[in-house]
Amino acid sequence: MIDYFAIALTHGLMALAAWRLLARPDLDDDSLASEEKAKPKPWLAARDDNPGDGHG
């Protein structure tokens, strides 16, 4: 009995978490992805500044 309760509780909580994540309004917002691509990546700029460091 305890084992069935533990399995039902944990699976129920995982289903609730998945339901809440899928219901988020920013899940289908593509504007955030385009802003993320536009941001400069400092680790790429630092690697390009030092071509003789053996990484690249």
PDB file of N, CA and C in Angstrom:
ATOM      1  N   MET A   1       0.827  -1.192   0.000  1.00  0.00           N
ATOM      2  CA  MET A   1       0.000   0.000   0.000  1.00  0.00           C
ATOM      3  C   MET A   1       0.870   1.253   0.000  1.00  0.00           C
ATOM      4  N   ILE A   2       1.893   1.281   0.815  1.00  0.00           N
ATOM      5  CA  ILE A   2       2.760   2.447   0.892  1.00  0.00           C
ATOM      6  C   ILE A   2       3.493   2.652  -0.430  1.00  0.00           C
ATOM      7  N   ASP A   3       3.900   1.565  -1.056  1.00  0.00           N
ATOM      8  CA  ASP A   3       4.627   1.698  -2.308  1.00  0.00           C
ATOM      9  C   ASP A   3       3.761   2.327  -3.393  1.00  0.00           C
ATOM     10  N   TYR A   4       2.491   1.911  -3.482  1.00  0.00           N
ATOM     11  CA  TYR A   4       1.587   2.500  -4.468  1.00  0.00           C
ATOM     12  C   TYR A   4       1.342   3.970  -4.176  1.00  0.00           C
ATOM     13  N   PHE A   5       1.237   4.312  -2.911  1.00  0.00           N
ATOM     14  CA  PHE A   5       1.035   5.708  -2.547  1.00  0.00           C
ATOM     15  C   PHE A   5       2.258   6.546  -2.927  1.00  0.00           C
ATOM     16  N   ALA A   6       3.448   6.042  -2.667  1.00  0.00           N
ATOM     17  CA  ALA A   6       4.661   6.791  -2.988  1.00  0.00           C
ATOM     18  C   ALA A   6       4.797   6.979  -4.497  1.00  0.00           C
ATOM     19  N   ILE A   7       4.504   5.943  -5.254  1.00  0.00           N
ATOM     20  CA  ILE A   7       4.588   6.055  -6.715  1.00  0.00           C
ATOM     21  C   ILE A   7       3.538   7.029  -7.235  1.00  0.00           C
ATOM     22  N   ALA A   8       2.320   6.939  -6.728  1.00  0.00           N
ATOM     23  CA  ALA A   8       1.257   7.843  -7.172  1.00  0.00           C
ATOM     24  C   ALA A   8       1.575   9.289  -6.799  1.00  0.00           C
ATOM     25  N   LEU A   9       2.110   9.495  -5.608  1.00  0.00           N
ATOM     26  CA  LEU A   9       2.437  10.856  -5.172  1.00  0.00           C
ATOM     27  C   LEU A   9       3.536  11.459  -6.031  1.00  0.00           C
ATOM     28  N   THR A  10       4.617  10.737  -6.246  1.00  0.00           N
ATOM     29  CA  THR A  10       5.726  11.306  -7.015  1.00  0.00           C
ATOM     30  C   THR A  10       5.339  11.520  -8.476  1.00  0.00           C
ATOM     31  N   HIS A  11       4.625  10.566  -9.057  1.00  0.00           N
ATOM     32  CA  HIS A  11       4.205  10.744 -10.451  1.00  0.00           C
ATOM     33  C   HIS A  11       3.173  11.856 -10.578  1.00  0.00           C
ATOM     34  N   GLY A  12       2.321  11.977  -9.602  1.00  0.00           N
ATOM     35  CA  GLY A  12       1.357  13.071  -9.620  1.00  0.00           C
ATOM     36  C   GLY A  12       2.030  14.430  -9.529  1.00  0.00           C
ATOM     37  N   LEU A  13       3.048  14.533  -8.688  1.00  0.00           N
ATOM     38  CA  LEU A  13       3.776  15.808  -8.573  1.00  0.00           C
ATOM     39  C   LEU A  13       4.547  16.123  -9.847  1.00  0.00           C
ATOM     40  N   MET A  14       5.126  15.110 -10.478  1.00  0.00           N
ATOM     41  CA  MET A  14       5.816  15.342 -11.757  1.00  0.00           C
ATOM     42  C   MET A  14       4.835  15.759 -12.841  1.00  0.00           C
ATOM     43  N   ALA A  15       3.661  15.156 -12.863  1.00  0.00           N
ATOM     44  CA  ALA A  15       2.639  15.542 -13.844  1.00  0.00           C
ATOM     45  C   ALA A  15       2.171  16.974 -13.600  1.00  0.00           C
ATOM     46  N   LEU A  16       2.001  17.349 -12.344  1.00  0.00           N
ATOM     47  CA  LEU A  16       1.615  18.722 -12.012  1.00  0.00           C
ATOM     48  C   LEU A  16       2.694  19.713 -12.448  1.00  0.00           C
ATOM     49  N   ALA A  17       3.947  19.384 -12.219  1.00  0.00           N
ATOM     50  CA  ALA A  17       5.036  20.271 -12.638  1.00  0.00           C
ATOM     51  C   ALA A  17       5.077  20.399 -14.155  1.00  0.00           C
ATOM     52  N   ALA A  18       4.903  19.296 -14.868  1.00  0.00           N
ATOM     53  CA  ALA A  18       4.898  19.353 -16.332  1.00  0.00           C
ATOM     54  C   ALA A  18       3.718  20.172 -16.831  1.00  0.00           C
ATOM     55  N   TRP A  19       2.549  20.003 -16.224  1.00  0.00           N
ATOM     56  CA  TRP A  19       1.369  20.761 -16.616  1.00  0.00           C
ATOM     57  C   TRP A  19       1.593  22.258 -16.416  1.00  0.00           C
ATOM     58  N   ARG A  20       2.184  22.621 -15.287  1.00  0.00           N
ATOM     59  CA  ARG A  20       2.433  24.047 -15.022  1.00  0.00           C
ATOM     60  C   ARG A  20       3.491  24.618 -15.956  1.00  0.00           C
ATOM     61  N   LEU A  21       4.511  23.821 -16.303  1.00  0.00           N
ATOM     62  CA  LEU A  21       5.518  24.306 -17.239  1.00  0.00           C
ATOM     63  C   LEU A  21       4.942  24.490 -18.634  1.00  0.00           C
ATOM     64  N   LEU A  22       4.090  23.568 -19.050  1.00  0.00           N
ATOM     65  CA  LEU A  22       3.487  23.673 -20.380  1.00  0.00           C
ATOM     66  C   LEU A  22       2.470  24.800 -20.466  1.00  0.00           C
ATOM     67  N   ALA A  23       1.922  25.232 -19.351  1.00  0.00           N
ATOM     68  CA  ALA A  23       0.923  26.293 -19.335  1.00  0.00           C
ATOM     69  C   ALA A  23       1.539  27.687 -19.252  1.00  0.00           C
ATOM     70  N   ARG A  24       2.853  27.776 -19.199  1.00  0.00           N
ATOM     71  CA  ARG A  24       3.495  29.092 -19.079  1.00  0.00           C
ATOM     72  C   ARG A  24       3.301  29.894 -20.359  1.00  0.00           C
ATOM     73  N   PRO A  25       2.997  31.179 -20.247  1.00  0.00           N
ATOM     74  CA  PRO A  25       2.779  31.985 -21.459  1.00  0.00           C
ATOM     75  C   PRO A  25       4.065  32.256 -22.236  1.00  0.00           C
ATOM     76  N   ASP A  26       5.214  32.234 -21.584  1.00  0.00           N
ATOM     77  CA  ASP A  26       6.459  32.519 -22.290  1.00  0.00           C
ATOM     78  C   ASP A  26       7.029  31.287 -22.991  1.00  0.00           C
ATOM     79  N   LEU A  27       6.315  30.167 -22.954  1.00  0.00           N
ATOM     80  CA  LEU A  27       6.781  28.966 -23.627  1.00  0.00           C
ATOM     81  C   LEU A  27       6.784  29.145 -25.140  1.00  0.00           C
ATOM     82  N   ASP A  28       5.800  29.867 -25.670  1.00  0.00           N
ATOM     83  CA  ASP A  28       5.687  30.072 -27.113  1.00  0.00           C
ATOM     84  C   ASP A  28       6.181  31.449 -27.549  1.00  0.00           C
ATOM     85  N   ASP A  29       6.914  32.142 -26.717  1.00  0.00           N
ATOM     86  CA  ASP A  29       7.385  33.489 -27.039  1.00  0.00           C
ATOM     87  C   ASP A  29       8.744  33.402 -27.714  1.00  0.00           C
ATOM     88  N   ASP A  30       8.771  33.657 -29.025  1.00  0.00           N
ATOM     89  CA  ASP A  30      10.014  33.563 -29.777  1.00  0.00           C
ATOM     90  C   ASP A  30      10.855  34.832 -29.698  1.00  0.00           C
ATOM     91  N   SER A  31      10.322  35.899 -29.139  1.00  0.00           N
ATOM     92  CA  SER A  31      11.100  37.128 -29.044  1.00  0.00           C
ATOM     93  C   SER A  31      12.288  36.963 -28.105  1.00  0.00           C
ATOM     94  N   LEU A  32      12.159  36.134 -27.089  1.00  0.00           N
ATOM     95  CA  LEU A  32      13.265  35.905 -26.165  1.00  0.00           C
ATOM     96  C   LEU A  32      14.411  35.170 -26.856  1.00  0.00           C
ATOM     97  N   ALA A  33      14.108  34.260 -27.761  1.00  0.00           N
ATOM     98  CA  ALA A  33      15.146  33.518 -28.470  1.00  0.00           C
ATOM     99  C   ALA A  33      15.932  34.439 -29.403  1.00  0.00           C
ATOM    100  N   SER A  34      15.258  35.368 -30.072  1.00  0.00           N
ATOM    101  CA  SER A  34      15.976  36.273 -30.961  1.00  0.00           C
ATOM    102  C   SER A  34      16.849  37.248 -30.175  1.00  0.00           C
ATOM    103  N   GLU A  35      16.397  37.655 -28.992  1.00  0.00           N
ATOM    104  CA  GLU A  35      17.218  38.528 -28.151  1.00  0.00           C
ATOM    105  C   GLU A  35      18.445  37.779 -27.648  1.00  0.00           C
ATOM    106  N   GLU A  36      18.304  36.503 -27.349  1.00  0.00           N
ATOM    107  CA  GLU A  36      19.423  35.707 -26.863  1.00  0.00           C
ATOM    108  C   GLU A  36      20.474  35.538 -27.948  1.00  0.00           C
ATOM    109  N   LYS A  37      20.051  35.382 -29.202  1.00  0.00           N
ATOM    110  CA  LYS A  37      21.001  35.242 -30.305  1.00  0.00           C
ATOM    111  C   LYS A  37      21.742  36.542 -30.570  1.00  0.00           C
ATOM    112  N   ALA A  38      21.098  37.679 -30.300  1.00  0.00           N
ATOM    113  CA  ALA A  38      21.695  38.972 -30.591  1.00  0.00           C
ATOM    114  C   ALA A  38      22.739  39.379 -29.550  1.00  0.00           C
ATOM    115  N   LYS A  39      22.715  38.764 -28.383  1.00  0.00           N
ATOM    116  CA  LYS A  39      23.673  39.126 -27.337  1.00  0.00           C
ATOM    117  C   LYS A  39      25.076  38.681 -27.731  1.00  0.00           C
ATOM    118  N   PRO A  40      26.079  39.532 -27.506  1.00  0.00           N
ATOM    119  CA  PRO A  40      27.457  39.094 -27.775  1.00  0.00           C
ATOM    120  C   PRO A  40      27.906  38.075 -26.733  1.00  0.00           C
ATOM    121  N   LYS A  41      28.693  37.154 -27.173  1.00  0.00           N
ATOM    122  CA  LYS A  41      29.195  36.112 -26.285  1.00  0.00           C
ATOM    123  C   LYS A  41      30.643  36.440 -25.915  1.00  0.00           C
ATOM    124  N   PRO A  42      30.886  36.841 -24.656  1.00  0.00           N
ATOM    125  CA  PRO A  42      32.226  37.300 -24.278  1.00  0.00           C
ATOM    126  C   PRO A  42      33.282  36.211 -24.380  1.00  0.00           C
ATOM    127  N   TRP A  43      32.912  34.939 -24.220  1.00  0.00           N
ATOM    128  CA  TRP A  43      33.920  33.888 -24.299  1.00  0.00           C
ATOM    129  C   TRP A  43      34.400  33.698 -25.733  1.00  0.00           C
ATOM    130  N   LEU A  44      33.564  34.020 -26.730  1.00  0.00           N
ATOM    131  CA  LEU A  44      34.013  33.937 -28.117  1.00  0.00           C
ATOM    132  C   LEU A  44      34.923  35.114 -28.470  1.00  0.00           C
ATOM    133  N   ALA A  45      34.611  36.289 -27.937  1.00  0.00           N
ATOM    134  CA  ALA A  45      35.436  37.460 -28.205  1.00  0.00           C
ATOM    135  C   ALA A  45      36.815  37.305 -27.569  1.00  0.00           C
ATOM    136  N   ALA A  46      36.867  36.759 -26.378  1.00  0.00           N
ATOM    137  CA  ALA A  46      38.161  36.552 -25.709  1.00  0.00           C
ATOM    138  C   ALA A  46      38.994  35.529 -26.448  1.00  0.00           C
ATOM    139  N   ARG A  47      38.392  34.526 -27.012  1.00  0.00           N
ATOM    140  CA  ARG A  47      39.137  33.505 -27.743  1.00  0.00           C
ATOM    141  C   ARG A  47      39.681  34.093 -29.045  1.00  0.00           C
ATOM    142  N   ASP A  48      38.906  34.986 -29.704  1.00  0.00           N
ATOM    143  CA  ASP A  48      39.386  35.593 -30.934  1.00  0.00           C
ATOM    144  C   ASP A  48      40.511  36.594 -30.713  1.00  0.00           C
ATOM    145  N   ASP A  49      40.577  37.196 -29.524  1.00  0.00           N
ATOM    146  CA  ASP A  49      41.607  38.187 -29.229  1.00  0.00           C
ATOM    147  C   ASP A  49      42.970  37.541 -29.055  1.00  0.00           C
ATOM    148  N   ASN A  50      43.041  36.257 -28.673  1.00  0.00           N
ATOM    149  CA  ASN A  50      44.289  35.575 -28.421  1.00  0.00           C
ATOM    150  C   ASN A  50      44.460  34.390 -29.376  1.00  0.00           C
ATOM    151  N   PRO A  51      44.818  34.644 -30.644  1.00  0.00           N
ATOM    152  CA  PRO A  51      44.909  33.525 -31.585  1.00  0.00           C
ATOM    153  C   PRO A  51      46.091  32.592 -31.300  1.00  0.00           C
ATOM    154  N   GLY A  52      47.090  33.042 -30.564  1.00  0.00           N
ATOM    155  CA  GLY A  52      48.257  32.215 -30.327  1.00  0.00           C
ATOM    156  C   GLY A  52      48.220  31.417 -29.041  1.00  0.00           C
ATOM    157  N   ASP A  53      47.062  31.343 -28.407  1.00  0.00           N
ATOM    158  CA  ASP A  53      47.008  30.639 -27.123  1.00  0.00           C
ATOM    159  C   ASP A  53      46.787  29.148 -27.279  1.00  0.00           C
ATOM    160  N   GLY A  54      46.603  28.639 -28.497  1.00  0.00           N
ATOM    161  CA  GLY A  54      46.464  27.217 -28.717  1.00  0.00           C
ATOM    162  C   GLY A  54      45.058  26.703 -28.622  1.00  0.00           C
ATOM    163  N   HIS A  55      44.093  27.575 -28.382  1.00  0.00           N
ATOM    164  CA  HIS A  55      42.684  27.163 -28.320  1.00  0.00           C
ATOM    165  C   HIS A  55      41.960  27.738 -29.523  1.00  0.00           C
ATOM    166  N   GLY A  56      41.701  26.956 -30.492  1.00  0.00           N
ATOM    167  CA  GLY A  56      40.893  27.528 -31.555  1.00  0.00           C
ATOM    168  C   GLY A  56      41.261  27.033 -32.860  1.00  0.00           C
TER     169      GLY A  56
END
